[in-house]
């Protein structure tokens, strides 16, 4: 499997995988909305998306958002989404995608990569810790939902 940075002409194929990802979290299928969302991210350069492929089939992706630390005056990346289609899981796919994200962030001279995952997602938590991510027990996350 190869991992490469997504290009605009691949957004239609990526939208199918992205919509599958959203459904895995209980969202209803909204293929056109998924495409429009990805197109907006791409056009505004709000994120970096890496695709994993095998034989011209998209098998997974990782999505990063650039963020800023005012305390350190440095940039960092938020790993917001990593997804591997079920047929390609347990083959090192997620690790390969995250490795690519880490390499990219290092090349961009970022301070760190941060991520959140569900409390009961133990399998992903183990992978993140094996890859050098450190659990944050100091801060709590709060949200102000506007919609």
N, C-alpha and C. Protein backbone atom coordinates (compact mmCIF):
# COMPACT_ATOMS: atom_id res chain seq x y z
N UNK A 1 0.84 -1.18 0.00
CA UNK A 1 0.00 0.00 0.00
C UNK A 1 0.88 1.24 0.00
N UNK A 2 0.41 2.25 -0.70
CA UNK A 2 1.14 3.50 -0.73
C UNK A 2 0.30 4.59 -0.07
N UNK A 3 0.98 5.61 0.43
CA UNK A 3 0.31 6.77 1.01
C UNK A 3 0.82 7.99 0.27
N UNK A 4 -0.10 8.84 -0.13
CA UNK A 4 0.28 10.06 -0.83
C UNK A 4 -0.67 11.18 -0.44
N UNK A 5 -0.21 12.39 -0.67
CA UNK A 5 -1.04 13.56 -0.36
C UNK A 5 -2.18 13.65 -1.38
N UNK A 6 -3.38 13.93 -0.89
CA UNK A 6 -4.56 14.01 -1.75
C UNK A 6 -4.45 15.19 -2.71
N UNK A 7 -4.96 14.99 -3.91
CA UNK A 7 -5.03 16.04 -4.93
C UNK A 7 -6.50 16.34 -5.20
N UNK A 8 -6.74 17.53 -5.71
CA UNK A 8 -8.12 17.98 -5.94
C UNK A 8 -8.89 17.03 -6.84
N UNK A 9 -8.24 16.49 -7.85
CA UNK A 9 -8.95 15.61 -8.78
C UNK A 9 -9.32 14.26 -8.15
N UNK A 10 -8.86 13.99 -6.94
CA UNK A 10 -9.20 12.74 -6.25
C UNK A 10 -10.33 12.91 -5.23
N UNK A 11 -10.87 14.12 -5.13
CA UNK A 11 -11.85 14.40 -4.07
C UNK A 11 -13.13 13.59 -4.22
N UNK A 12 -13.56 13.30 -5.44
CA UNK A 12 -14.79 12.50 -5.60
C UNK A 12 -14.60 11.10 -5.02
N UNK A 13 -13.45 10.47 -5.32
CA UNK A 13 -13.18 9.14 -4.76
C UNK A 13 -13.00 9.22 -3.25
N UNK A 14 -12.30 10.25 -2.79
CA UNK A 14 -12.09 10.41 -1.36
C UNK A 14 -13.41 10.64 -0.63
N UNK A 15 -14.33 11.36 -1.26
CA UNK A 15 -15.63 11.64 -0.63
C UNK A 15 -16.38 10.35 -0.31
N UNK A 16 -16.25 9.34 -1.16
CA UNK A 16 -16.91 8.06 -0.91
C UNK A 16 -16.35 7.44 0.38
N UNK A 17 -15.04 7.44 0.51
CA UNK A 17 -14.39 6.90 1.71
C UNK A 17 -14.70 7.75 2.94
N UNK A 18 -14.70 9.06 2.77
CA UNK A 18 -15.01 9.98 3.85
C UNK A 18 -16.45 9.79 4.34
N UNK A 19 -17.37 9.59 3.40
CA UNK A 19 -18.76 9.34 3.76
C UNK A 19 -18.90 8.02 4.52
N UNK A 20 -18.15 7.01 4.12
CA UNK A 20 -18.12 5.72 4.83
C UNK A 20 -17.62 5.94 6.27
N UNK A 21 -16.58 6.74 6.41
CA UNK A 21 -16.05 7.08 7.74
C UNK A 21 -17.12 7.74 8.61
N UNK A 22 -17.81 8.72 8.06
CA UNK A 22 -18.86 9.43 8.81
C UNK A 22 -19.95 8.46 9.26
N UNK A 23 -20.32 7.54 8.38
CA UNK A 23 -21.35 6.56 8.71
C UNK A 23 -20.89 5.65 9.85
N UNK A 24 -19.58 5.38 9.92
CA UNK A 24 -19.08 4.53 11.00
C UNK A 24 -19.27 5.18 12.37
N UNK A 25 -19.51 6.49 12.38
CA UNK A 25 -19.80 7.21 13.63
C UNK A 25 -21.29 7.51 13.78
N UNK A 26 -22.10 6.88 12.95
CA UNK A 26 -23.55 7.00 13.10
C UNK A 26 -24.19 8.09 12.26
N UNK A 27 -23.43 8.82 11.46
CA UNK A 27 -24.01 9.84 10.59
C UNK A 27 -24.69 9.17 9.41
N UNK A 28 -25.71 9.82 8.89
CA UNK A 28 -26.36 9.26 7.70
C UNK A 28 -25.50 9.56 6.47
N UNK A 29 -25.64 8.73 5.47
CA UNK A 29 -24.86 8.91 4.25
C UNK A 29 -25.25 10.23 3.58
N UNK A 30 -24.27 11.05 3.34
CA UNK A 30 -24.46 12.34 2.67
C UNK A 30 -23.27 12.55 1.75
N UNK A 31 -23.25 11.83 0.65
CA UNK A 31 -22.10 11.83 -0.24
C UNK A 31 -21.81 13.21 -0.80
N UNK A 32 -22.84 13.92 -1.24
CA UNK A 32 -22.62 15.27 -1.79
C UNK A 32 -22.11 16.22 -0.72
N UNK A 33 -22.66 16.12 0.49
CA UNK A 33 -22.19 16.96 1.59
C UNK A 33 -20.73 16.62 1.93
N UNK A 34 -20.39 15.36 1.91
CA UNK A 34 -19.01 14.95 2.18
C UNK A 34 -18.07 15.55 1.13
N UNK A 35 -18.48 15.47 -0.13
CA UNK A 35 -17.67 16.03 -1.20
C UNK A 35 -17.50 17.54 -1.03
N UNK A 36 -18.61 18.24 -0.78
CA UNK A 36 -18.55 19.70 -0.62
C UNK A 36 -17.65 20.10 0.55
N UNK A 37 -17.75 19.35 1.64
CA UNK A 37 -16.91 19.63 2.81
C UNK A 37 -15.43 19.47 2.46
N UNK A 38 -15.08 18.36 1.83
CA UNK A 38 -13.69 18.13 1.44
C UNK A 38 -13.20 19.16 0.44
N UNK A 39 -14.06 19.53 -0.50
CA UNK A 39 -13.68 20.54 -1.48
C UNK A 39 -13.40 21.88 -0.80
N UNK A 40 -14.22 22.24 0.18
CA UNK A 40 -13.99 23.49 0.92
C UNK A 40 -12.66 23.44 1.67
N UNK A 41 -12.39 22.32 2.34
CA UNK A 41 -11.11 22.17 3.04
C UNK A 41 -9.95 22.32 2.07
N UNK A 42 -10.09 21.68 0.92
CA UNK A 42 -9.02 21.70 -0.07
C UNK A 42 -8.84 23.11 -0.65
N UNK A 43 -9.93 23.73 -1.06
CA UNK A 43 -9.86 25.06 -1.68
C UNK A 43 -9.30 26.11 -0.73
N UNK A 44 -9.69 26.02 0.54
CA UNK A 44 -9.24 27.00 1.54
C UNK A 44 -7.89 26.64 2.16
N UNK A 45 -7.36 25.50 1.76
CA UNK A 45 -6.10 24.99 2.32
C UNK A 45 -6.17 24.93 3.85
N UNK A 46 -7.33 24.47 4.35
CA UNK A 46 -7.55 24.36 5.79
C UNK A 46 -6.99 23.08 6.38
N UNK A 47 -6.66 22.13 5.53
CA UNK A 47 -6.20 20.84 6.04
C UNK A 47 -5.23 20.20 5.05
N UNK A 48 -4.61 19.15 5.54
CA UNK A 48 -3.75 18.30 4.72
C UNK A 48 -4.33 16.90 4.83
N UNK A 49 -4.55 16.28 3.70
CA UNK A 49 -5.15 14.94 3.67
C UNK A 49 -4.20 14.00 2.95
N UNK A 50 -3.90 12.88 3.61
CA UNK A 50 -3.11 11.84 2.98
C UNK A 50 -4.00 10.64 2.72
N UNK A 51 -3.86 10.06 1.53
CA UNK A 51 -4.64 8.90 1.11
C UNK A 51 -3.77 7.65 1.13
N UNK A 52 -4.37 6.56 1.49
CA UNK A 52 -3.71 5.27 1.37
C UNK A 52 -4.40 4.53 0.23
N UNK A 53 -3.59 3.92 -0.63
CA UNK A 53 -4.13 3.25 -1.81
C UNK A 53 -3.49 1.88 -2.00
N UNK A 54 -4.28 1.00 -2.58
CA UNK A 54 -3.77 -0.29 -3.03
C UNK A 54 -4.43 -0.59 -4.36
N UNK A 55 -3.62 -0.75 -5.40
CA UNK A 55 -4.14 -1.05 -6.74
C UNK A 55 -5.22 -0.04 -7.17
N UNK A 56 -4.95 1.24 -7.00
CA UNK A 56 -5.86 2.34 -7.39
C UNK A 56 -7.16 2.37 -6.59
N UNK A 57 -7.24 1.64 -5.49
CA UNK A 57 -8.41 1.68 -4.61
C UNK A 57 -8.02 2.44 -3.35
N UNK A 58 -8.82 3.43 -2.98
CA UNK A 58 -8.57 4.16 -1.75
C UNK A 58 -8.94 3.28 -0.56
N UNK A 59 -7.98 3.05 0.32
CA UNK A 59 -8.21 2.15 1.45
C UNK A 59 -8.25 2.88 2.79
N UNK A 60 -7.80 4.12 2.83
CA UNK A 60 -7.81 4.86 4.08
C UNK A 60 -7.33 6.29 3.88
N UNK A 61 -7.47 7.08 4.92
CA UNK A 61 -7.00 8.47 4.87
C UNK A 61 -6.69 8.95 6.28
N UNK A 62 -5.89 10.00 6.33
CA UNK A 62 -5.65 10.74 7.58
C UNK A 62 -5.80 12.21 7.24
N UNK A 63 -6.47 12.95 8.12
CA UNK A 63 -6.76 14.36 7.90
C UNK A 63 -6.15 15.17 9.03
N UNK A 64 -5.35 16.15 8.67
CA UNK A 64 -4.68 17.02 9.63
C UNK A 64 -5.14 18.46 9.45
N UNK A 65 -5.29 19.17 10.56
CA UNK A 65 -5.54 20.60 10.55
C UNK A 65 -4.36 21.30 11.20
N UNK A 66 -3.90 22.38 10.59
CA UNK A 66 -2.83 23.16 11.19
C UNK A 66 -3.43 24.05 12.27
N UNK A 67 -2.74 24.14 13.41
CA UNK A 67 -3.18 24.95 14.53
C UNK A 67 -1.97 25.73 15.07
N UNK A 68 -2.23 26.57 16.03
CA UNK A 68 -1.19 27.46 16.54
C UNK A 68 -1.17 27.46 18.06
N UNK A 69 0.03 27.41 18.62
CA UNK A 69 0.21 27.51 20.07
C UNK A 69 0.67 28.93 20.38
N UNK A 70 -0.16 29.67 21.09
CA UNK A 70 0.22 31.04 21.44
C UNK A 70 1.28 31.06 22.53
N UNK A 71 1.32 30.04 23.36
CA UNK A 71 2.31 29.99 24.44
C UNK A 71 3.71 29.77 23.86
N UNK A 72 3.85 28.83 22.95
CA UNK A 72 5.16 28.54 22.38
C UNK A 72 5.43 29.31 21.08
N UNK A 73 4.42 29.99 20.57
CA UNK A 73 4.54 30.72 19.29
C UNK A 73 4.99 29.78 18.17
N UNK A 74 4.37 28.59 18.14
CA UNK A 74 4.70 27.61 17.11
C UNK A 74 3.42 27.00 16.55
N UNK A 75 3.56 26.37 15.40
CA UNK A 75 2.43 25.66 14.82
C UNK A 75 2.46 24.20 15.27
N UNK A 76 1.31 23.59 15.25
CA UNK A 76 1.18 22.16 15.48
C UNK A 76 0.04 21.66 14.62
N UNK A 77 -0.15 20.37 14.58
CA UNK A 77 -1.22 19.78 13.77
C UNK A 77 -2.18 19.00 14.66
N UNK A 78 -3.44 19.07 14.30
CA UNK A 78 -4.48 18.28 14.94
C UNK A 78 -4.80 17.13 13.99
N UNK A 79 -4.58 15.92 14.46
CA UNK A 79 -4.96 14.74 13.70
C UNK A 79 -6.43 14.52 14.03
N UNK A 80 -7.29 14.96 13.13
CA UNK A 80 -8.71 14.94 13.42
C UNK A 80 -9.37 13.64 13.01
N UNK A 81 -8.90 13.07 11.92
CA UNK A 81 -9.54 11.86 11.42
C UNK A 81 -8.49 10.91 10.86
N UNK A 82 -8.61 9.66 11.22
CA UNK A 82 -7.84 8.60 10.56
C UNK A 82 -8.82 7.45 10.35
N UNK A 83 -8.86 6.94 9.14
CA UNK A 83 -9.84 5.90 8.82
C UNK A 83 -9.23 4.91 7.84
N UNK A 84 -9.50 3.65 8.10
CA UNK A 84 -9.13 2.57 7.19
C UNK A 84 -10.40 1.76 6.94
N UNK A 85 -10.69 1.52 5.68
CA UNK A 85 -11.87 0.74 5.35
C UNK A 85 -11.73 -0.67 5.94
N UNK A 86 -12.82 -1.27 6.42
CA UNK A 86 -12.72 -2.53 7.17
C UNK A 86 -11.92 -3.65 6.50
N UNK A 87 -11.98 -3.77 5.21
CA UNK A 87 -11.27 -4.85 4.52
C UNK A 87 -9.75 -4.73 4.63
N UNK A 88 -9.24 -3.55 4.98
CA UNK A 88 -7.79 -3.34 5.03
C UNK A 88 -7.28 -3.09 6.45
N UNK A 89 -8.10 -3.34 7.43
CA UNK A 89 -7.67 -3.16 8.82
C UNK A 89 -6.80 -4.33 9.27
N UNK A 90 -6.08 -4.11 10.36
CA UNK A 90 -5.20 -5.12 10.97
C UNK A 90 -4.06 -5.55 10.04
N UNK A 91 -3.65 -4.60 9.18
CA UNK A 91 -2.54 -4.84 8.27
C UNK A 91 -1.48 -3.75 8.39
N UNK A 92 -1.57 -2.95 9.45
CA UNK A 92 -0.62 -1.85 9.63
C UNK A 92 -1.01 -0.59 8.89
N UNK A 93 -2.23 -0.55 8.38
CA UNK A 93 -2.66 0.60 7.58
C UNK A 93 -2.74 1.89 8.38
N UNK A 94 -3.38 1.84 9.54
CA UNK A 94 -3.50 3.05 10.37
C UNK A 94 -2.12 3.54 10.78
N UNK A 95 -1.24 2.63 11.14
CA UNK A 95 0.12 3.01 11.52
C UNK A 95 0.83 3.69 10.36
N UNK A 96 0.66 3.16 9.16
CA UNK A 96 1.30 3.76 7.99
C UNK A 96 0.78 5.18 7.75
N UNK A 97 -0.52 5.38 7.90
CA UNK A 97 -1.10 6.71 7.72
C UNK A 97 -0.59 7.68 8.78
N UNK A 98 -0.56 7.24 10.03
CA UNK A 98 -0.10 8.11 11.12
C UNK A 98 1.39 8.40 10.99
N UNK A 99 2.17 7.40 10.59
CA UNK A 99 3.60 7.63 10.34
C UNK A 99 3.79 8.72 9.29
N UNK A 100 2.98 8.70 8.25
CA UNK A 100 3.07 9.71 7.20
C UNK A 100 2.72 11.09 7.76
N UNK A 101 1.70 11.15 8.61
CA UNK A 101 1.32 12.43 9.23
C UNK A 101 2.45 12.97 10.10
N UNK A 102 3.09 12.09 10.86
CA UNK A 102 4.19 12.50 11.73
C UNK A 102 5.36 13.00 10.89
N UNK A 103 5.71 12.29 9.85
CA UNK A 103 6.80 12.71 8.96
C UNK A 103 6.49 14.07 8.36
N UNK A 104 5.28 14.26 7.89
CA UNK A 104 4.89 15.54 7.31
C UNK A 104 5.01 16.67 8.34
N UNK A 105 4.48 16.45 9.54
CA UNK A 105 4.53 17.49 10.57
C UNK A 105 5.97 17.83 10.94
N UNK A 106 6.83 16.82 11.00
CA UNK A 106 8.26 17.08 11.26
C UNK A 106 8.86 17.92 10.15
N UNK A 107 8.56 17.60 8.91
CA UNK A 107 9.09 18.37 7.78
C UNK A 107 8.59 19.81 7.80
N UNK A 108 7.41 20.02 8.35
CA UNK A 108 6.85 21.36 8.47
C UNK A 108 7.34 22.08 9.72
N UNK A 109 8.22 21.42 10.48
CA UNK A 109 8.79 21.97 11.72
C UNK A 109 7.71 22.28 12.75
N UNK A 110 6.70 21.43 12.79
CA UNK A 110 5.62 21.61 13.76
C UNK A 110 6.08 21.18 15.15
N UNK A 111 5.47 21.77 16.15
CA UNK A 111 5.80 21.45 17.54
C UNK A 111 5.33 20.06 17.93
N UNK A 112 4.13 19.68 17.45
CA UNK A 112 3.54 18.40 17.87
C UNK A 112 2.36 18.06 16.97
N UNK A 113 1.84 16.87 17.18
CA UNK A 113 0.53 16.47 16.64
C UNK A 113 -0.33 16.12 17.85
N UNK A 114 -1.53 16.66 17.87
CA UNK A 114 -2.47 16.36 18.95
C UNK A 114 -3.69 15.65 18.35
N UNK A 115 -4.33 14.82 19.17
CA UNK A 115 -5.54 14.14 18.73
C UNK A 115 -6.42 13.83 19.92
N UNK A 116 -7.67 13.56 19.63
CA UNK A 116 -8.62 13.08 20.62
C UNK A 116 -9.24 11.80 20.10
N UNK A 117 -9.62 10.93 21.00
CA UNK A 117 -10.34 9.72 20.62
C UNK A 117 -11.35 9.40 21.71
N UNK A 118 -12.31 8.59 21.38
CA UNK A 118 -13.33 8.23 22.36
C UNK A 118 -12.70 7.45 23.51
N UNK A 119 -13.27 7.63 24.69
CA UNK A 119 -12.74 6.96 25.89
C UNK A 119 -12.70 5.44 25.75
N UNK A 120 -13.66 4.87 25.03
CA UNK A 120 -13.73 3.41 24.92
C UNK A 120 -13.05 2.86 23.65
N UNK A 121 -12.30 3.69 22.95
CA UNK A 121 -11.60 3.25 21.74
C UNK A 121 -10.21 2.77 22.14
N UNK A 122 -10.17 1.65 22.86
CA UNK A 122 -8.93 1.15 23.45
C UNK A 122 -7.92 0.71 22.40
N UNK A 123 -8.40 0.14 21.32
CA UNK A 123 -7.49 -0.34 20.28
C UNK A 123 -6.70 0.83 19.68
N UNK A 124 -7.39 1.92 19.36
CA UNK A 124 -6.70 3.09 18.82
C UNK A 124 -5.78 3.72 19.86
N UNK A 125 -6.24 3.76 21.10
CA UNK A 125 -5.41 4.33 22.16
C UNK A 125 -4.09 3.57 22.29
N UNK A 126 -4.15 2.24 22.23
CA UNK A 126 -2.92 1.44 22.29
C UNK A 126 -1.99 1.77 21.13
N UNK A 127 -2.55 1.88 19.94
CA UNK A 127 -1.74 2.21 18.78
C UNK A 127 -1.07 3.57 18.96
N UNK A 128 -1.84 4.58 19.38
CA UNK A 128 -1.28 5.92 19.56
C UNK A 128 -0.14 5.90 20.57
N UNK A 129 -0.34 5.20 21.67
CA UNK A 129 0.71 5.13 22.69
C UNK A 129 1.94 4.38 22.17
N UNK A 130 1.73 3.31 21.40
CA UNK A 130 2.85 2.58 20.81
C UNK A 130 3.64 3.46 19.84
N UNK A 131 2.96 4.42 19.24
CA UNK A 131 3.61 5.29 18.27
C UNK A 131 4.23 6.53 18.91
N UNK A 132 4.17 6.62 20.24
CA UNK A 132 4.82 7.73 20.93
C UNK A 132 3.92 8.85 21.37
N UNK A 133 2.62 8.74 21.14
CA UNK A 133 1.69 9.76 21.64
C UNK A 133 1.56 9.60 23.15
N UNK A 134 1.46 10.71 23.84
CA UNK A 134 1.38 10.72 25.30
C UNK A 134 -0.02 11.15 25.72
N UNK A 135 -0.63 10.34 26.57
CA UNK A 135 -1.98 10.64 27.08
C UNK A 135 -1.92 11.90 27.95
N UNK A 136 -2.85 12.79 27.75
CA UNK A 136 -2.91 14.03 28.51
C UNK A 136 -3.91 13.86 29.65
N UNK A 137 -3.40 13.82 30.86
CA UNK A 137 -4.26 13.70 32.04
C UNK A 137 -4.41 15.03 32.76
N UNK A 138 -3.81 16.09 32.22
CA UNK A 138 -3.84 17.40 32.88
C UNK A 138 -5.02 18.25 32.44
N UNK A 139 -5.39 18.18 31.17
CA UNK A 139 -6.42 19.06 30.65
C UNK A 139 -7.71 18.30 30.38
N UNK A 140 -8.82 18.97 30.51
CA UNK A 140 -10.13 18.44 30.16
C UNK A 140 -10.62 19.19 28.93
N UNK A 141 -11.39 18.54 28.12
CA UNK A 141 -11.93 19.16 26.92
C UNK A 141 -13.34 19.63 27.17
N UNK A 142 -13.64 20.85 26.75
CA UNK A 142 -14.97 21.42 26.85
C UNK A 142 -15.43 21.85 25.47
N UNK A 143 -16.73 21.81 25.24
CA UNK A 143 -17.29 22.22 23.95
C UNK A 143 -18.43 23.19 24.19
N UNK A 144 -18.58 24.14 23.31
CA UNK A 144 -19.73 25.02 23.28
C UNK A 144 -20.41 24.80 21.94
N UNK A 145 -21.44 23.97 21.93
CA UNK A 145 -22.10 23.63 20.67
C UNK A 145 -22.99 24.79 20.24
N UNK A 146 -22.86 25.19 18.99
CA UNK A 146 -23.58 26.33 18.46
C UNK A 146 -24.72 25.96 17.52
N UNK A 147 -24.81 24.68 17.20
CA UNK A 147 -25.91 24.20 16.34
C UNK A 147 -26.49 22.93 16.92
